[in-house]
Amino acid sequence: MPNYMIEAEADRTVCPMGIGGNAVHISGVPVGKCCIGHRCAGWRWATEKDDWNEKTETWDLEYSQTQGYCGFVGE
């Protein structure tokens, strides 16, 4: 199951690339910078609908407005 998160959760998640916002501390020790969610080029919105449309021969895609994931580390 993918690790989707809302952006409020992303703010408490360490950025794997170290390019995030505020410093994240564990027991007073800085461990990295926090994810900045949709403001990052790596942020991806969760796919809610992914269907092949036979009439137009294209994909019908719909994305979540609330949940996403870090595109740097995969879905």
PDB file of N, CA and C in Angstrom:
ATOM      1  N   MET A   1       0.845  -1.183   0.000  1.00  0.00           N
ATOM      2  CA  MET A   1       0.000   0.000   0.000  1.00  0.00           C
ATOM      3  C   MET A   1       0.889   1.244   0.000  1.00  0.00           C
ATOM      4  N   PRO A   2       0.604   2.190  -0.857  1.00  0.00           N
ATOM      5  CA  PRO A   2       1.419   3.410  -0.947  1.00  0.00           C
ATOM      6  C   PRO A   2       1.359   4.221   0.346  1.00  0.00           C
ATOM      7  N   ASN A   3       2.394   4.995   0.560  1.00  0.00           N
ATOM      8  CA  ASN A   3       2.466   5.851   1.735  1.00  0.00           C
ATOM      9  C   ASN A   3       1.998   7.260   1.402  1.00  0.00           C
ATOM     10  N   TYR A   4       0.709   7.401   1.140  1.00  0.00           N
ATOM     11  CA  TYR A   4       0.159   8.726   0.890  1.00  0.00           C
ATOM     12  C   TYR A   4       0.056   9.486   2.196  1.00  0.00           C
ATOM     13  N   MET A   5       0.151  10.797   2.115  1.00  0.00           N
ATOM     14  CA  MET A   5       0.012  11.623   3.298  1.00  0.00           C
ATOM     15  C   MET A   5      -0.640  12.940   2.942  1.00  0.00           C
ATOM     16  N   ILE A   6      -1.288  13.555   3.927  1.00  0.00           N
ATOM     17  CA  ILE A   6      -1.785  14.907   3.729  1.00  0.00           C
ATOM     18  C   ILE A   6      -0.616  15.840   3.997  1.00  0.00           C
ATOM     19  N   GLU A   7      -0.696  17.073   3.521  1.00  0.00           N
ATOM     20  CA  GLU A   7       0.446  17.973   3.646  1.00  0.00           C
ATOM     21  C   GLU A   7       0.801  18.308   5.095  1.00  0.00           C
ATOM     22  N   ALA A   8      -0.168  18.260   6.007  1.00  0.00           N
ATOM     23  CA  ALA A   8       0.142  18.495   7.418  1.00  0.00           C
ATOM     24  C   ALA A   8       1.074  17.402   7.945  1.00  0.00           C
ATOM     25  N   GLU A   9       0.917  16.182   7.448  1.00  0.00           N
ATOM     26  CA  GLU A   9       1.817  15.093   7.832  1.00  0.00           C
ATOM     27  C   GLU A   9       3.182  15.273   7.172  1.00  0.00           C
ATOM     28  N   ALA A  10       3.199  15.768   5.956  1.00  0.00           N
ATOM     29  CA  ALA A  10       4.452  15.983   5.248  1.00  0.00           C
ATOM     30  C   ALA A  10       5.340  16.967   6.005  1.00  0.00           C
ATOM     31  N   ASP A  11       4.723  17.924   6.664  1.00  0.00           N
ATOM     32  CA  ASP A  11       5.471  18.928   7.424  1.00  0.00           C
ATOM     33  C   ASP A  11       6.232  18.305   8.592  1.00  0.00           C
ATOM     34  N   ARG A  12       5.869  17.091   8.978  1.00  0.00           N
ATOM     35  CA  ARG A  12       6.552  16.385  10.078  1.00  0.00           C
ATOM     36  C   ARG A  12       7.431  15.254   9.545  1.00  0.00           C
ATOM     37  N   THR A  13       7.642  15.207   8.231  1.00  0.00           N
ATOM     38  CA  THR A  13       8.411  14.140   7.601  1.00  0.00           C
ATOM     39  C   THR A  13       9.738  14.697   7.090  1.00  0.00           C
ATOM     40  N   VAL A  14      10.807  13.978   7.314  1.00  0.00           N
ATOM     41  CA  VAL A  14      12.124  14.424   6.862  1.00  0.00           C
ATOM     42  C   VAL A  14      12.241  14.269   5.354  1.00  0.00           C
ATOM     43  N   CYS A  15      12.694  15.314   4.683  1.00  0.00           N
ATOM     44  CA  CYS A  15      12.898  15.293   3.227  1.00  0.00           C
ATOM     45  C   CYS A  15      14.101  14.410   2.901  1.00  0.00           C
ATOM     46  N   PRO A  16      13.947  13.396   2.028  1.00  0.00           N
ATOM     47  CA  PRO A  16      15.063  12.512   1.706  1.00  0.00           C
ATOM     48  C   PRO A  16      16.176  13.214   0.926  1.00  0.00           C
ATOM     49  N   MET A  17      15.846  14.328   0.298  1.00  0.00           N
ATOM     50  CA  MET A  17      16.846  15.064  -0.472  1.00  0.00           C
ATOM     51  C   MET A  17      17.488  16.184   0.344  1.00  0.00           C
ATOM     52  N   GLY A  18      16.961  16.464   1.524  1.00  0.00           N
ATOM     53  CA  GLY A  18      17.526  17.514   2.378  1.00  0.00           C
ATOM     54  C   GLY A  18      17.272  18.916   1.858  1.00  0.00           C
ATOM     55  N   ILE A  19      16.231  19.082   1.034  1.00  0.00           N
ATOM     56  CA  ILE A  19      15.972  20.396   0.448  1.00  0.00           C
ATOM     57  C   ILE A  19      14.700  21.024   0.996  1.00  0.00           C
ATOM     58  N   GLY A  20      14.226  20.518   2.116  1.00  0.00           N
ATOM     59  CA  GLY A  20      12.950  20.955   2.659  1.00  0.00           C
ATOM     60  C   GLY A  20      12.997  22.284   3.379  1.00  0.00           C
ATOM     61  N   GLY A  21      12.052  22.446   4.281  1.00  0.00           N
ATOM     62  CA  GLY A  21      11.878  23.694   5.002  1.00  0.00           C
ATOM     63  C   GLY A  21      12.583  23.699   6.345  1.00  0.00           C
ATOM     64  N   ASN A  22      11.804  23.753   7.429  1.00  0.00           N
ATOM     65  CA  ASN A  22      12.339  23.843   8.780  1.00  0.00           C
ATOM     66  C   ASN A  22      13.085  22.567   9.179  1.00  0.00           C
ATOM     67  N   ALA A  23      14.018  22.715  10.125  1.00  0.00           N
ATOM     68  CA  ALA A  23      14.771  21.563  10.624  1.00  0.00           C
ATOM     69  C   ALA A  23      13.870  20.664  11.463  1.00  0.00           C
ATOM     70  N   VAL A  24      14.049  19.349  11.307  1.00  0.00           N
ATOM     71  CA  VAL A  24      13.332  18.353  12.100  1.00  0.00           C
ATOM     72  C   VAL A  24      14.301  17.854  13.162  1.00  0.00           C
ATOM     73  N   HIS A  25      13.841  17.849  14.418  1.00  0.00           N
ATOM     74  CA  HIS A  25      14.681  17.398  15.533  1.00  0.00           C
ATOM     75  C   HIS A  25      14.061  16.167  16.185  1.00  0.00           C
ATOM     76  N   ILE A  26      14.897  15.221  16.564  1.00  0.00           N
ATOM     77  CA  ILE A  26      14.468  14.074  17.357  1.00  0.00           C
ATOM     78  C   ILE A  26      15.338  14.064  18.609  1.00  0.00           C
ATOM     79  N   SER A  27      14.681  14.164  19.754  1.00  0.00           N
ATOM     80  CA  SER A  27      15.381  14.247  21.045  1.00  0.00           C
ATOM     81  C   SER A  27      16.401  15.375  21.038  1.00  0.00           C
ATOM     82  N   GLY A  28      16.054  16.487  20.405  1.00  0.00           N
ATOM     83  CA  GLY A  28      16.919  17.662  20.381  1.00  0.00           C
ATOM     84  C   GLY A  28      18.026  17.624  19.343  1.00  0.00           C
ATOM     85  N   VAL A  29      18.121  16.534  18.587  1.00  0.00           N
ATOM     86  CA  VAL A  29      19.167  16.394  17.579  1.00  0.00           C
ATOM     87  C   VAL A  29      18.573  16.646  16.199  1.00  0.00           C
ATOM     88  N   PRO A  30      19.156  17.577  15.411  1.00  0.00           N
ATOM     89  CA  PRO A  30      18.624  17.802  14.061  1.00  0.00           C
ATOM     90  C   PRO A  30      18.909  16.594  13.165  1.00  0.00           C
ATOM     91  N   VAL A  31      17.855  16.107  12.491  1.00  0.00           N
ATOM     92  CA  VAL A  31      17.996  14.926  11.636  1.00  0.00           C
ATOM     93  C   VAL A  31      17.759  15.230  10.157  1.00  0.00           C
ATOM     94  N   GLY A  32      17.410  16.456   9.839  1.00  0.00           N
ATOM     95  CA  GLY A  32      17.175  16.833   8.460  1.00  0.00           C
ATOM     96  C   GLY A  32      16.181  17.969   8.367  1.00  0.00           C
ATOM     97  N   LYS A  33      15.703  18.218   7.178  1.00  0.00           N
ATOM     98  CA  LYS A  33      14.720  19.271   6.955  1.00  0.00           C
ATOM     99  C   LYS A  33      13.381  18.655   6.581  1.00  0.00           C
ATOM    100  N   CYS A  34      12.301  19.345   6.913  1.00  0.00           N
ATOM    101  CA  CYS A  34      10.974  18.783   6.673  1.00  0.00           C
ATOM    102  C   CYS A  34      10.537  18.953   5.223  1.00  0.00           C
ATOM    103  N   CYS A  35       9.662  18.067   4.818  1.00  0.00           N
ATOM    104  CA  CYS A  35       9.043  18.100   3.492  1.00  0.00           C
ATOM    105  C   CYS A  35       8.224  19.388   3.352  1.00  0.00           C
ATOM    106  N   ILE A  36       8.221  19.967   2.164  1.00  0.00           N
ATOM    107  CA  ILE A  36       7.436  21.185   1.929  1.00  0.00           C
ATOM    108  C   ILE A  36       6.211  20.903   1.056  1.00  0.00           C
ATOM    109  N   GLY A  37       5.890  19.612   0.894  1.00  0.00           N
ATOM    110  CA  GLY A  37       4.656  19.228   0.213  1.00  0.00           C
ATOM    111  C   GLY A  37       4.581  19.688  -1.228  1.00  0.00           C
ATOM    112  N   HIS A  38       3.444  20.242  -1.610  1.00  0.00           N
ATOM    113  CA  HIS A  38       3.201  20.588  -3.019  1.00  0.00           C
ATOM    114  C   HIS A  38       4.110  21.694  -3.539  1.00  0.00           C
ATOM    115  N   ARG A  39       4.830  22.372  -2.673  1.00  0.00           N
ATOM    116  CA  ARG A  39       5.758  23.424  -3.121  1.00  0.00           C
ATOM    117  C   ARG A  39       7.055  22.844  -3.663  1.00  0.00           C
ATOM    118  N   CYS A  40       7.231  21.526  -3.541  1.00  0.00           N
ATOM    119  CA  CYS A  40       8.437  20.853  -4.015  1.00  0.00           C
ATOM    120  C   CYS A  40       8.191  20.253  -5.398  1.00  0.00           C
ATOM    121  N   ALA A  41       9.210  20.262  -6.237  1.00  0.00           N
ATOM    122  CA  ALA A  41       9.094  19.675  -7.575  1.00  0.00           C
ATOM    123  C   ALA A  41       8.905  18.161  -7.519  1.00  0.00           C
ATOM    124  N   GLY A  42       9.291  17.532  -6.412  1.00  0.00           N
ATOM    125  CA  GLY A  42       9.156  16.086  -6.285  1.00  0.00           C
ATOM    126  C   GLY A  42       7.807  15.622  -5.775  1.00  0.00           C
ATOM    127  N   TRP A  43       6.975  16.552  -5.270  1.00  0.00           N
ATOM    128  CA  TRP A  43       5.672  16.181  -4.715  1.00  0.00           C
ATOM    129  C   TRP A  43       4.758  15.682  -5.825  1.00  0.00           C
ATOM    130  N   ARG A  44       4.040  14.586  -5.561  1.00  0.00           N
ATOM    131  CA  ARG A  44       3.078  14.035  -6.511  1.00  0.00           C
ATOM    132  C   ARG A  44       1.755  13.823  -5.797  1.00  0.00           C
ATOM    133  N   TRP A  45       0.671  14.203  -6.436  1.00  0.00           N
ATOM    134  CA  TRP A  45      -0.656  13.972  -5.873  1.00  0.00           C
ATOM    135  C   TRP A  45      -1.064  12.534  -6.122  1.00  0.00           C
ATOM    136  N   ALA A  46      -1.754  11.936  -5.160  1.00  0.00           N
ATOM    137  CA  ALA A  46      -2.216  10.560  -5.284  1.00  0.00           C
ATOM    138  C   ALA A  46      -3.209  10.443  -6.443  1.00  0.00           C
ATOM    139  N   THR A  47      -3.109   9.366  -7.202  1.00  0.00           N
ATOM    140  CA  THR A  47      -4.027   9.115  -8.308  1.00  0.00           C
ATOM    141  C   THR A  47      -5.275   8.427  -7.776  1.00  0.00           C
ATOM    142  N   GLU A  48      -6.433   9.035  -8.028  1.00  0.00           N
ATOM    143  CA  GLU A  48      -7.697   8.448  -7.571  1.00  0.00           C
ATOM    144  C   GLU A  48      -8.407   7.673  -8.671  1.00  0.00           C
ATOM    145  N   LYS A  49      -8.186   8.062  -9.916  1.00  0.00           N
ATOM    146  CA  LYS A  49      -8.800   7.372 -11.041  1.00  0.00           C
ATOM    147  C   LYS A  49      -7.759   7.248 -12.146  1.00  0.00           C
ATOM    148  N   ASP A  50      -7.651   6.051 -12.701  1.00  0.00           N
ATOM    149  CA  ASP A  50      -6.659   5.773 -13.735  1.00  0.00           C
ATOM    150  C   ASP A  50      -7.270   4.755 -14.693  1.00  0.00           C
ATOM    151  N   ASP A  51      -8.093   5.237 -15.606  1.00  0.00           N
ATOM    152  CA  ASP A  51      -8.820   4.346 -16.515  1.00  0.00           C
ATOM    153  C   ASP A  51      -8.484   4.661 -17.967  1.00  0.00           C
ATOM    154  N   TRP A  52      -8.415   3.611 -18.762  1.00  0.00           N
ATOM    155  CA  TRP A  52      -8.193   3.767 -20.195  1.00  0.00           C
ATOM    156  C   TRP A  52      -9.521   4.079 -20.870  1.00  0.00           C
ATOM    157  N   ASN A  53      -9.559   5.163 -21.653  1.00  0.00           N
ATOM    158  CA  ASN A  53     -10.747   5.564 -22.384  1.00  0.00           C
ATOM    159  C   ASN A  53     -10.604   5.054 -23.811  1.00  0.00           C
ATOM    160  N   GLU A  54     -11.412   4.066 -24.167  1.00  0.00           N
ATOM    161  CA  GLU A  54     -11.289   3.454 -25.493  1.00  0.00           C
ATOM    162  C   GLU A  54     -11.736   4.386 -26.615  1.00  0.00           C
ATOM    163  N   LYS A  55     -12.667   5.296 -26.333  1.00  0.00           N
ATOM    164  CA  LYS A  55     -13.133   6.226 -27.371  1.00  0.00           C
ATOM    165  C   LYS A  55     -12.047   7.204 -27.777  1.00  0.00           C
ATOM    166  N   THR A  56     -11.390   7.791 -26.799  1.00  0.00           N
ATOM    167  CA  THR A  56     -10.360   8.793 -27.094  1.00  0.00           C
ATOM    168  C   THR A  56      -8.958   8.196 -27.150  1.00  0.00           C
ATOM    169  N   GLU A  57      -8.838   6.919 -26.743  1.00  0.00           N
ATOM    170  CA  GLU A  57      -7.558   6.232 -26.668  1.00  0.00           C
ATOM    171  C   GLU A  57      -6.541   7.017 -25.838  1.00  0.00           C
ATOM    172  N   THR A  58      -7.015   7.488 -24.689  1.00  0.00           N
ATOM    173  CA  THR A  58      -6.170   8.202 -23.737  1.00  0.00           C
ATOM    174  C   THR A  58      -6.523   7.723 -22.325  1.00  0.00           C
ATOM    175  N   TRP A  59      -5.695   8.110 -21.377  1.00  0.00           N
ATOM    176  CA  TRP A  59      -5.962   7.769 -19.979  1.00  0.00           C
ATOM    177  C   TRP A  59      -6.829   8.849 -19.351  1.00  0.00           C
ATOM    178  N   ASP A  60      -7.871   8.439 -18.634  1.00  0.00           N
ATOM    179  CA  ASP A  60      -8.674   9.360 -17.833  1.00  0.00           C
ATOM    180  C   ASP A  60      -8.095   9.331 -16.422  1.00  0.00           C
ATOM    181  N   LEU A  61      -7.472  10.430 -16.034  1.00  0.00           N
ATOM    182  CA  LEU A  61      -6.816  10.502 -14.727  1.00  0.00           C
ATOM    183  C   LEU A  61      -7.499  11.533 -13.850  1.00  0.00           C
ATOM    184  N   GLU A  62      -7.610  11.220 -12.579  1.00  0.00           N
ATOM    185  CA  GLU A  62      -8.078  12.177 -11.584  1.00  0.00           C
ATOM    186  C   GLU A  62      -7.145  12.086 -10.401  1.00  0.00           C
ATOM    187  N   TYR A  63      -6.732  13.241  -9.887  1.00  0.00           N
ATOM    188  CA  TYR A  63      -5.794  13.283  -8.775  1.00  0.00           C
ATOM    189  C   TYR A  63      -6.471  13.781  -7.505  1.00  0.00           C
ATOM    190  N   SER A  64      -5.966  13.315  -6.368  1.00  0.00           N
ATOM    191  CA  SER A  64      -6.471  13.730  -5.071  1.00  0.00           C
ATOM    192  C   SER A  64      -6.184  15.214  -4.852  1.00  0.00           C
ATOM    193  N   GLN A  65      -7.063  15.876  -4.138  1.00  0.00           N
ATOM    194  CA  GLN A  65      -6.846  17.271  -3.767  1.00  0.00           C
ATOM    195  C   GLN A  65      -6.244  17.373  -2.362  1.00  0.00           C
ATOM    196  N   THR A  66      -6.140  16.241  -1.656  1.00  0.00           N
ATOM    197  CA  THR A  66      -5.690  16.271  -0.263  1.00  0.00           C
ATOM    198  C   THR A  66      -4.497  15.380   0.034  1.00  0.00           C
ATOM    199  N   GLN A  67      -4.317  14.278  -0.700  1.00  0.00           N
ATOM    200  CA  GLN A  67      -3.254  13.343  -0.375  1.00  0.00           C
ATOM    201  C   GLN A  67      -2.240  13.229  -1.493  1.00  0.00           C
ATOM    202  N   GLY A  68      -0.967  13.111  -1.092  1.00  0.00           N
ATOM    203  CA  GLY A  68       0.098  12.973  -2.060  1.00  0.00           C
ATOM    204  C   GLY A  68       1.240  12.165  -1.486  1.00  0.00           C
ATOM    205  N   TYR A  69       2.388  12.225  -2.150  1.00  0.00           N
ATOM    206  CA  TYR A  69       3.560  11.481  -1.715  1.00  0.00           C
ATOM    207  C   TYR A  69       4.811  12.117  -2.288  1.00  0.00           C
ATOM    208  N   CYS A  70       5.948  11.687  -1.771  1.00  0.00           N
ATOM    209  CA  CYS A  70       7.230  12.192  -2.256  1.00  0.00           C
ATOM    210  C   CYS A  70       7.615  11.447  -3.525  1.00  0.00           C
ATOM    211  N   GLY A  71       7.702  12.157  -4.620  1.00  0.00           N
ATOM    212  CA  GLY A  71       8.070  11.545  -5.893  1.00  0.00           C
ATOM    213  C   GLY A  71       9.535  11.177  -5.963  1.00  0.00           C
ATOM    214  N   PHE A  72      10.378  11.685  -5.061  1.00  0.00           N
ATOM    215  CA  PHE A  72      11.792  11.328  -5.056  1.00  0.00           C
ATOM    216  C   PHE A  72      12.008   9.896  -4.570  1.00  0.00           C
ATOM    217  N   VAL A  73      11.131   9.418  -3.683  1.00  0.00           N
ATOM    218  CA  VAL A  73      11.323   8.086  -3.116  1.00  0.00           C
ATOM    219  C   VAL A  73      10.283   7.092  -3.598  1.00  0.00           C
ATOM    220  N   GLY A  74       9.402   7.503  -4.485  1.00  0.00           N
ATOM    221  CA  GLY A  74       8.440   6.594  -5.082  1.00  0.00           C
ATOM    222  C   GLY A  74       7.086   6.584  -4.409  1.00  0.00           C
ATOM    223  N   GLU A  75       6.168   5.903  -5.033  1.00  0.00           N
ATOM    224  CA  GLU A  75       4.799   5.838  -4.538  1.00  0.00           C
ATOM    225  C   GLU A  75       4.712   4.703  -3.574  1.00  0.00           C
TER     226      GLU A  75
END
